[in-house]
């Protein structure tokens, strides 16, 4: 295996989570007795560019198919995040009815609908048929394709280059990261801006977020590495923000290297220095992560087995991809967790891949009154705790697995 950015042979294992089915391949009841395909979840670190990566064991066009089950609009906090971003970037760039915005991996139109409300022309690019269809129902033009240099050339030839290109949580999802970034360069107007959000590798390592590793995330990114990738393709990262979303993300801003109208801010040097000070440019930073993941595995299994012995009922909330990584790595099945509740009707009535835990509506929590709720999407735990605050009426408690097992005795928010 060679580095997907710089082609350096990869020898240094970052983490091995065994094998698991794709995290968003939910099952119907009829599929429970059918053979399942498990793929390795083994990551390597490149000692030349420091890109952490998994091989493309399952092709991206199989993962992001017409049955892709993640719809962005079912998280209130994510919708709020999107609206605030649109208000901010519209003012920052002076976008108006003469501008053109492109979002890559636009999902169900969760973000572009905000531009539509401001009468700013926009285009979504989304390979998953079912989410693209929902976006079109909102009046958002959506191309059902994967983004890369070929599509970017076509858009440029049609006179549809963008003043703003947005990519939220997509940079990690592309197997050919060079082709993707090359496409950004082609599809961007001379004075345009590329805005990307992606989970920060530094936060993953330091806060033990190993459950954010799954097959559709091909790359795990530091600012240092992303800056190198963009520079190779003629784009300059001139500013950034550190965000709390997804456990700690970066929002980067890029421009053409020949466009000097947007100077590089001090934020860039500050984060590069921070990453270097943390040791992210040294190999030993990447070689000790396995122990952290194993510690959570053993602690979670011990907790679940102990509750089983005591006759307590444990359920989960949030049928998130990260939850599937966690449960499959720990070997948890439906004998230890009765069900997982989720707000998305696209997941309800199905079963988690690997663990075969049933996905139900929130009403099941009220009916069965579990003693513990394991919060799988811990990145929105405050939202979930507020939503399910009523479980304290029967003495229910919340459990958060990452970065370590925490039992929240008082369900009220501080």
Protein backbone atom coordinates (compact mmCIF):
# COMPACT_ATOMS: atom_id res chain seq x y z
CA UNK A 1 0.00 0.00 0.00
CA UNK A 2 1.25 3.46 -0.94
CA UNK A 3 0.26 6.88 0.39
CA UNK A 4 -2.74 8.20 -1.56
CA UNK A 5 -1.16 11.67 -1.64
CA UNK A 6 2.60 11.31 -2.05
CA UNK A 7 2.89 7.59 -3.07
CA UNK A 8 5.37 6.78 -0.32
CA UNK A 9 5.22 3.06 0.67
CA UNK A 10 3.38 2.70 3.98
CA UNK A 11 4.99 0.66 6.75
CA UNK A 12 3.81 2.25 10.01
CA UNK A 13 0.54 1.01 11.49
CA UNK A 14 -1.51 3.71 13.21
CA UNK A 15 -4.43 1.57 14.41
CA UNK A 16 -5.98 -1.84 13.78
CA UNK A 17 -9.69 -2.17 14.64
CA UNK A 18 -10.00 -5.63 13.16
CA UNK A 19 -12.64 -6.17 10.48
CA UNK A 20 -16.15 -4.76 10.25
CA UNK A 21 -18.96 -4.26 7.75
CA UNK A 22 -19.32 -0.75 6.28
CA UNK A 23 -20.73 1.45 9.03
CA UNK A 24 -23.72 2.74 7.08
CA UNK A 25 -24.75 -0.61 5.56
CA UNK A 26 -27.85 -1.07 7.69
CA UNK A 27 -29.74 -4.35 7.36
CA UNK A 28 -33.35 -5.29 6.80
CA UNK A 29 -34.84 -8.14 8.81
CA UNK A 30 -34.58 -10.43 5.75
CA UNK A 31 -30.83 -9.73 5.49
CA UNK A 32 -30.01 -10.79 9.05
CA UNK A 33 -29.52 -14.43 8.04
CA UNK A 34 -27.56 -13.65 4.89
CA UNK A 35 -23.75 -13.74 4.73
CA UNK A 36 -22.11 -10.41 5.57
CA UNK A 37 -18.90 -9.00 4.14
CA UNK A 38 -16.38 -7.61 6.64
CA UNK A 39 -13.52 -5.37 5.56
CA UNK A 40 -10.30 -4.55 7.46
CA UNK A 41 -10.20 -1.34 9.50
CA UNK A 42 -6.45 -0.93 9.56
CA UNK A 43 -4.81 2.49 9.25
CA UNK A 44 -1.28 3.52 8.36
CA UNK A 45 0.65 6.76 8.81
CA UNK A 46 2.83 8.15 6.03
CA UNK A 47 6.24 9.11 7.40
CA UNK A 48 6.77 11.63 4.59
CA UNK A 49 3.55 13.72 4.53
CA UNK A 50 1.92 12.45 7.77
CA UNK A 51 -1.35 11.50 6.10
CA UNK A 52 -3.13 8.81 8.12
CA UNK A 53 -5.15 6.57 5.83
CA UNK A 54 -7.01 3.36 5.19
CA UNK A 55 -6.92 1.43 1.95
CA UNK A 56 -10.00 1.57 -0.30
CA UNK A 57 -11.28 -1.86 0.72
CA UNK A 58 -14.80 -1.00 -0.39
CA UNK A 59 -15.18 1.26 -3.41
CA UNK A 60 -16.67 4.70 -2.82
CA UNK A 61 -19.38 4.17 -5.44
CA UNK A 62 -20.58 1.15 -3.42
CA UNK A 63 -20.61 3.10 -0.14
CA UNK A 64 -22.36 6.20 -1.48
CA UNK A 65 -25.04 4.32 -3.39
CA UNK A 66 -28.74 4.99 -3.79
CA UNK A 67 -29.30 3.28 -0.41
CA UNK A 68 -26.97 5.60 1.52
CA UNK A 69 -28.70 6.06 4.83
CA UNK A 70 -27.20 9.25 6.33
CA UNK A 71 -29.41 12.33 6.01
CA UNK A 72 -27.87 15.52 7.43
CA UNK A 73 -31.17 17.20 8.26
CA UNK A 74 -31.98 14.93 11.22
CA UNK A 75 -29.53 16.70 13.55
CA UNK A 76 -30.79 20.02 14.90
CA UNK A 77 -27.33 21.07 16.01
CA UNK A 78 -25.93 20.39 12.51
CA UNK A 79 -28.72 22.41 10.89
CA UNK A 80 -27.98 25.29 13.27
CA UNK A 81 -24.28 25.00 12.42
CA UNK A 82 -25.08 25.18 8.70
CA UNK A 83 -27.31 28.24 9.03
CA UNK A 84 -24.72 30.16 11.06
CA UNK A 85 -22.08 29.31 8.48
CA UNK A 86 -24.20 30.52 5.57
CA UNK A 87 -24.95 33.82 7.33
CA UNK A 88 -21.26 34.31 8.12
CA UNK A 89 -19.82 33.40 4.72
CA UNK A 90 -22.43 35.44 2.83
CA UNK A 91 -21.33 38.55 4.73
CA UNK A 92 -17.63 37.72 4.60
CA UNK A 93 -17.53 37.21 0.83
CA UNK A 94 -20.31 39.63 -0.09
CA UNK A 95 -22.33 36.95 -1.87
CA UNK A 96 -25.51 37.99 -3.66
CA UNK A 97 -27.79 37.09 -6.56
CA UNK A 98 -24.89 37.44 -9.01
CA UNK A 99 -22.74 34.87 -7.17
CA UNK A 100 -22.52 31.13 -7.66
CA UNK A 101 -22.08 28.63 -4.81
CA UNK A 102 -21.23 24.94 -5.23
CA UNK A 103 -21.43 22.43 -2.40
CA UNK A 104 -19.72 19.07 -2.81
CA UNK A 105 -21.40 16.20 -0.96
CA UNK A 106 -24.49 18.36 -0.49
CA UNK A 107 -26.52 15.46 0.95
CA UNK A 108 -30.20 16.36 1.38
CA UNK A 109 -29.75 20.10 0.87
CA UNK A 110 -29.37 20.82 4.60
CA UNK A 111 -27.00 23.74 3.86
CA UNK A 112 -27.80 24.93 0.34
CA UNK A 113 -31.41 25.56 1.34
CA UNK A 114 -30.07 28.49 3.38
CA UNK A 115 -28.42 30.02 0.29
CA UNK A 116 -31.63 29.42 -1.64
CA UNK A 117 -33.49 31.44 0.99
CA UNK A 118 -31.09 34.32 0.37
CA UNK A 119 -31.68 34.18 -3.42
CA UNK A 120 -28.05 33.15 -4.01
CA UNK A 121 -27.70 30.71 -6.96
CA UNK A 122 -26.30 27.37 -5.88
CA UNK A 123 -25.55 23.87 -7.13
CA UNK A 124 -25.28 20.67 -5.14
CA UNK A 125 -23.07 17.74 -6.11
CA UNK A 126 -24.18 14.54 -4.38
CA UNK A 127 -23.56 10.95 -5.58
CA UNK A 128 -26.18 9.31 -3.35
CA UNK A 129 -29.47 9.10 -5.21
CA UNK A 130 -31.82 9.12 -2.25
CA UNK A 131 -30.34 12.18 -0.54
CA UNK A 132 -30.04 14.01 -3.88
CA UNK A 133 -33.73 13.39 -4.52
CA UNK A 134 -34.66 15.00 -1.19
CA UNK A 135 -32.52 18.04 -2.05
CA UNK A 136 -34.25 18.43 -5.42
CA UNK A 137 -37.57 18.35 -3.60
CA UNK A 138 -36.39 21.50 -1.80
CA UNK A 139 -35.76 23.22 -5.14
CA UNK A 140 -31.98 22.73 -5.10
CA UNK A 141 -30.34 21.80 -8.40
CA UNK A 142 -28.28 18.71 -7.66
CA UNK A 143 -25.89 16.73 -9.86
CA UNK A 144 -25.88 13.05 -8.94
CA UNK A 145 -22.15 12.54 -9.45
CA UNK A 146 -18.81 12.20 -7.72
CA UNK A 147 -16.68 15.34 -7.81
CA UNK A 148 -13.26 15.32 -9.40
CA UNK A 149 -11.20 16.97 -12.12
CA UNK A 150 -13.38 15.69 -14.98
CA UNK A 151 -16.60 17.11 -13.55
CA UNK A 152 -14.80 20.36 -12.67
CA UNK A 153 -13.65 20.75 -16.29
CA UNK A 154 -17.20 20.24 -17.49
CA UNK A 155 -18.53 22.87 -15.11
CA UNK A 156 -15.81 25.30 -16.19
CA UNK A 157 -16.61 24.73 -19.87
CA UNK A 158 -20.27 25.45 -19.12
CA UNK A 159 -19.35 28.73 -17.44
CA UNK A 160 -20.34 27.44 -13.99
CA UNK A 161 -17.22 28.03 -11.96
CA UNK A 162 -17.91 29.07 -8.39
CA UNK A 163 -17.32 32.11 -6.20
CA UNK A 164 -17.52 29.72 -3.27
CA UNK A 165 -16.97 25.96 -3.17
CA UNK A 166 -18.03 24.25 0.05
CA UNK A 167 -17.05 20.79 1.24
CA UNK A 168 -18.24 19.81 4.70
CA UNK A 169 -16.93 16.42 5.84
CA UNK A 170 -16.10 15.28 2.32
CA UNK A 171 -12.31 15.67 2.06
CA UNK A 172 -11.79 12.56 4.19
CA UNK A 173 -14.25 10.60 2.03
CA UNK A 174 -12.43 10.76 -1.32
CA UNK A 175 -10.10 7.89 -2.29
CA UNK A 176 -8.24 9.98 -4.91
CA UNK A 177 -7.50 13.10 -2.91
CA UNK A 178 -5.21 14.54 -5.59
CA UNK A 179 -7.89 14.36 -8.28
CA UNK A 180 -10.41 15.90 -5.88
CA UNK A 181 -8.26 18.91 -4.97
CA UNK A 182 -7.19 19.34 -8.58
CA UNK A 183 -10.90 19.61 -9.37
CA UNK A 184 -11.33 22.35 -6.76
CA UNK A 185 -8.67 24.40 -8.54
CA UNK A 186 -10.41 23.98 -11.90
CA UNK A 187 -13.95 24.73 -10.67
CA UNK A 188 -13.03 27.89 -8.73
CA UNK A 189 -13.33 31.39 -10.18
CA UNK A 190 -10.08 33.45 -10.19
CA UNK A 191 -11.14 35.37 -7.06
CA UNK A 192 -13.14 32.52 -5.52
CA UNK A 193 -12.77 30.78 -2.16
CA UNK A 194 -12.83 27.09 -1.21
CA UNK A 195 -14.23 26.40 2.26
CA UNK A 196 -13.61 22.93 3.68
CA UNK A 197 -14.55 21.39 7.03
CA UNK A 198 -13.03 18.13 8.21
CA UNK A 199 -12.31 16.41 11.55
CA UNK A 200 -8.90 17.37 12.89
CA UNK A 201 -6.53 14.43 13.32
CA UNK A 202 -5.01 16.09 16.36
CA UNK A 203 -8.37 15.93 18.15
CA UNK A 204 -8.91 12.32 17.08
CA UNK A 205 -5.61 11.28 18.65
CA UNK A 206 -5.65 13.40 21.77
CA UNK A 207 -9.32 12.75 22.62
CA UNK A 208 -9.28 9.06 21.67
CA UNK A 209 -11.92 9.38 18.95
CA UNK A 210 -11.08 6.06 17.30
CA UNK A 211 -14.77 5.40 16.62
CA UNK A 212 -14.71 8.11 13.94
CA UNK A 213 -12.69 5.68 11.84
CA UNK A 214 -14.72 3.79 9.24
CA UNK A 215 -14.47 2.61 5.67
CA UNK A 216 -15.97 5.69 4.04
CA UNK A 217 -13.31 7.85 5.75
CA UNK A 218 -10.27 7.11 3.61
CA UNK A 219 -8.05 9.87 5.08
CA UNK A 220 -7.47 11.40 8.53
CA UNK A 221 -6.14 14.89 8.23
CA UNK A 222 -3.85 17.33 9.99
CA UNK A 223 -3.66 20.96 8.89
CA UNK A 224 -0.03 20.43 7.92
CA UNK A 225 -0.96 17.65 5.50
CA UNK A 226 -3.97 19.40 3.97
CA UNK A 227 -1.88 22.50 3.38
CA UNK A 228 0.67 20.41 1.47
CA UNK A 229 -2.01 18.73 -0.62
CA UNK A 230 -3.64 22.01 -1.59
CA UNK A 231 -0.28 23.66 -2.34
CA UNK A 232 0.63 20.86 -4.73
CA UNK A 233 -2.44 21.74 -6.78
CA UNK A 234 -2.02 25.52 -6.80
CA UNK A 235 -4.25 26.46 -3.86
CA UNK A 236 -3.19 28.43 -0.79
CA UNK A 237 -4.80 27.94 2.63
CA UNK A 238 -5.02 31.55 3.78
CA UNK A 239 -7.21 31.24 6.88
CA UNK A 240 -8.79 28.68 9.21
CA UNK A 241 -11.07 28.23 12.20
CA UNK A 242 -10.99 25.55 14.87
CA UNK A 243 -14.52 24.21 15.43
CA UNK A 244 -16.16 21.99 18.04
CA UNK A 245 -18.23 20.02 15.51
CA UNK A 246 -17.61 16.26 15.18
CA UNK A 247 -15.41 16.26 18.24
CA UNK A 248 -13.11 18.98 16.89
CA UNK A 249 -12.90 20.04 13.25
CA UNK A 250 -11.06 22.54 11.10
CA UNK A 251 -12.67 24.94 8.66
CA UNK A 252 -10.08 26.01 6.12
CA UNK A 253 -10.25 28.74 3.49
CA UNK A 254 -8.30 28.41 0.24
CA UNK A 255 -7.68 30.58 -2.81
CA UNK A 256 -5.72 30.34 -6.03
CA UNK A 257 -2.01 30.85 -5.36
CA UNK A 258 -1.95 33.56 -8.04
CA UNK A 259 -4.70 35.53 -6.24
CA UNK A 260 -2.94 37.74 -3.69
CA UNK A 261 -6.06 39.71 -2.71
CA UNK A 262 -6.53 37.56 0.40
CA UNK A 263 -3.40 37.58 2.57
CA UNK A 264 -2.48 34.59 4.72
CA UNK A 265 -3.64 35.24 8.28
CA UNK A 266 -1.60 34.57 11.45
CA UNK A 267 -4.00 31.67 12.20
CA UNK A 268 -2.15 29.55 9.67
CA UNK A 269 1.29 29.83 11.27
CA UNK A 270 -0.21 29.45 14.75
CA UNK A 271 -1.86 26.11 13.96
CA UNK A 272 1.19 24.80 12.13
CA UNK A 273 3.26 25.62 15.22
CA UNK A 274 0.68 24.00 17.49
CA UNK A 275 0.69 20.76 15.48
CA UNK A 276 4.49 20.67 15.43
CA UNK A 277 4.65 21.30 19.18
CA UNK A 278 2.24 18.40 19.78
CA UNK A 279 4.64 16.12 17.88
CA UNK A 280 2.57 15.64 14.72
CA UNK A 281 5.68 15.86 12.54
CA UNK A 282 7.33 12.96 14.39
CA UNK A 283 6.63 9.29 13.81
CA UNK A 284 6.22 8.38 17.48
CA UNK A 285 3.04 10.51 17.66
CA UNK A 286 1.31 7.96 15.42
CA UNK A 287 2.55 4.70 16.92
CA UNK A 288 0.95 4.56 20.38
CA UNK A 289 -2.74 5.02 19.60
CA UNK A 290 -3.74 1.34 19.72
CA UNK A 291 -3.48 1.24 23.54
CA UNK A 292 -5.99 4.10 23.91
CA UNK A 293 -8.59 2.37 21.75
CA UNK A 294 -8.11 -0.94 23.56
CA UNK A 295 -8.65 0.73 26.93
CA UNK A 296 -12.11 1.98 25.88
CA UNK A 297 -12.98 -1.44 24.46
CA UNK A 298 -12.24 -3.24 27.70
CA UNK A 299 -13.99 -0.61 29.84
CA UNK A 300 -17.17 -0.64 27.75
CA UNK A 301 -17.37 -4.43 27.69
CA UNK A 302 -16.83 -4.57 31.46
CA UNK A 303 -19.61 -2.04 32.02
CA UNK A 304 -22.11 -3.82 29.74
CA UNK A 305 -21.38 -7.26 31.19
CA UNK A 306 -21.74 -5.93 34.72
CA UNK A 307 -25.14 -4.39 33.91
CA UNK A 308 -26.23 -7.69 32.37
CA UNK A 309 -25.26 -9.54 35.55
CA UNK A 310 -27.21 -7.06 37.67
CA UNK A 311 -30.32 -7.36 35.50
CA UNK A 312 -30.16 -3.76 34.28
CA UNK A 313 -31.32 -2.83 30.79
CA UNK A 314 -29.00 -0.87 28.50
CA UNK A 315 -30.20 0.79 25.29
CA UNK A 316 -28.40 3.17 22.96
CA UNK A 317 -29.30 6.39 21.21
CA UNK A 318 -28.13 7.49 17.77
CA UNK A 319 -27.53 4.90 15.04
CA UNK A 320 -24.42 6.76 13.93
CA UNK A 321 -21.56 5.35 11.88
CA UNK A 322 -19.18 6.02 14.77
CA UNK A 323 -21.40 3.88 16.98
CA UNK A 324 -21.13 0.98 14.57
CA UNK A 325 -17.34 1.21 14.60
CA UNK A 326 -17.35 1.18 18.41
CA UNK A 327 -19.82 -1.70 18.80
CA UNK A 328 -18.18 -3.92 16.19
CA UNK A 329 -14.67 -3.33 17.53
CA UNK A 330 -15.85 -4.18 21.04
CA UNK A 331 -17.81 -7.21 19.83
CA UNK A 332 -21.09 -5.93 21.32
CA UNK A 333 -24.30 -7.62 20.18
CA UNK A 334 -28.00 -7.39 21.01
CA UNK A 335 -27.59 -9.49 24.15
CA UNK A 336 -25.83 -6.52 25.79
CA UNK A 337 -27.69 -3.61 24.16
CA UNK A 338 -31.42 -4.10 23.65
CA UNK A 339 -31.96 -1.52 20.91
CA UNK A 340 -30.76 1.79 19.53
CA UNK A 341 -33.23 4.65 19.08
CA UNK A 342 -32.76 7.11 16.23
CA UNK A 343 -34.68 10.11 14.88
CA UNK A 344 -34.26 9.15 11.22
CA UNK A 345 -37.16 7.17 9.74
CA UNK A 346 -34.70 5.88 7.12
CA UNK A 347 -32.91 3.91 9.86
CA UNK A 348 -35.88 2.85 11.99
CA UNK A 349 -37.01 -0.72 11.42
CA UNK A 350 -33.52 -1.76 10.30
CA UNK A 351 -30.60 -3.36 12.13
CA UNK A 352 -27.07 -2.18 12.80
CA UNK A 353 -24.45 -3.83 10.56
CA UNK A 354 -22.42 -6.45 12.39
CA UNK A 355 -24.05 -6.18 15.80
CA UNK A 356 -27.62 -6.75 14.49
CA UNK A 357 -29.04 -4.42 17.16
CA UNK A 358 -32.52 -3.21 16.10
CA UNK A 359 -33.07 0.48 15.31
CA UNK A 360 -36.31 1.90 16.70
CA UNK A 361 -38.00 5.24 17.27
CA UNK A 362 -37.52 7.23 20.45
CA UNK A 363 -40.94 6.06 21.66
CA UNK A 364 -39.37 2.71 22.58
CA UNK A 365 -37.32 4.47 25.27
CA UNK A 366 -40.47 5.77 26.92
CA UNK A 367 -42.09 2.32 26.74
CA UNK A 368 -39.25 0.13 27.99
CA UNK A 369 -37.61 2.61 30.44
CA UNK A 370 -33.99 1.38 30.18
CA UNK A 371 -31.67 1.91 33.13
CA UNK A 372 -28.90 3.29 30.92
CA UNK A 373 -28.76 5.07 27.56
CA UNK A 374 -25.43 4.71 25.76
CA UNK A 375 -24.95 7.85 23.64
CA UNK A 376 -23.23 6.71 20.45
CA UNK A 377 -22.97 10.13 18.67
CA UNK A 378 -21.11 11.63 21.65
CA UNK A 379 -20.27 14.73 19.60
CA UNK A 380 -23.89 15.91 20.09
CA UNK A 381 -24.34 14.55 23.61
CA UNK A 382 -25.67 17.85 24.98
CA UNK A 383 -28.43 17.87 22.36
CA UNK A 384 -29.33 14.24 23.16
CA UNK A 385 -29.26 14.68 26.93
CA UNK A 386 -31.62 17.65 26.65
CA UNK A 387 -33.92 15.72 24.32
CA UNK A 388 -34.06 12.62 26.55
CA UNK A 389 -33.98 14.43 29.89
CA UNK A 390 -37.21 12.64 30.88
CA UNK A 391 -35.36 9.37 31.57
CA UNK A 392 -34.43 10.72 35.00
CA UNK A 393 -38.09 10.31 36.03
CA UNK A 394 -37.40 6.57 36.36
CA UNK A 395 -33.79 6.93 37.47
CA UNK A 396 -32.26 6.44 34.01
CA UNK A 397 -28.66 7.47 33.41
CA UNK A 398 -26.60 8.35 30.36
CA UNK A 399 -23.32 6.70 29.39
CA UNK A 400 -20.78 8.41 27.13
CA UNK A 401 -18.06 6.09 25.77
CA UNK A 402 -15.49 8.55 24.35
CA UNK A 403 -12.81 9.58 25.30
CA UNK A 404 -13.44 7.23 28.23
CA UNK A 405 -16.50 5.69 29.87
CA UNK A 406 -18.53 8.30 31.77
CA UNK A 407 -21.81 7.73 33.60
CA UNK A 408 -23.85 10.91 33.87
CA UNK A 409 -25.81 10.65 37.11
CA UNK A 410 -27.66 13.98 36.85
CA UNK A 411 -29.39 14.21 33.50
CA UNK A 412 -30.04 17.92 33.79
CA UNK A 413 -27.76 20.16 31.76
CA UNK A 414 -25.46 22.41 33.72
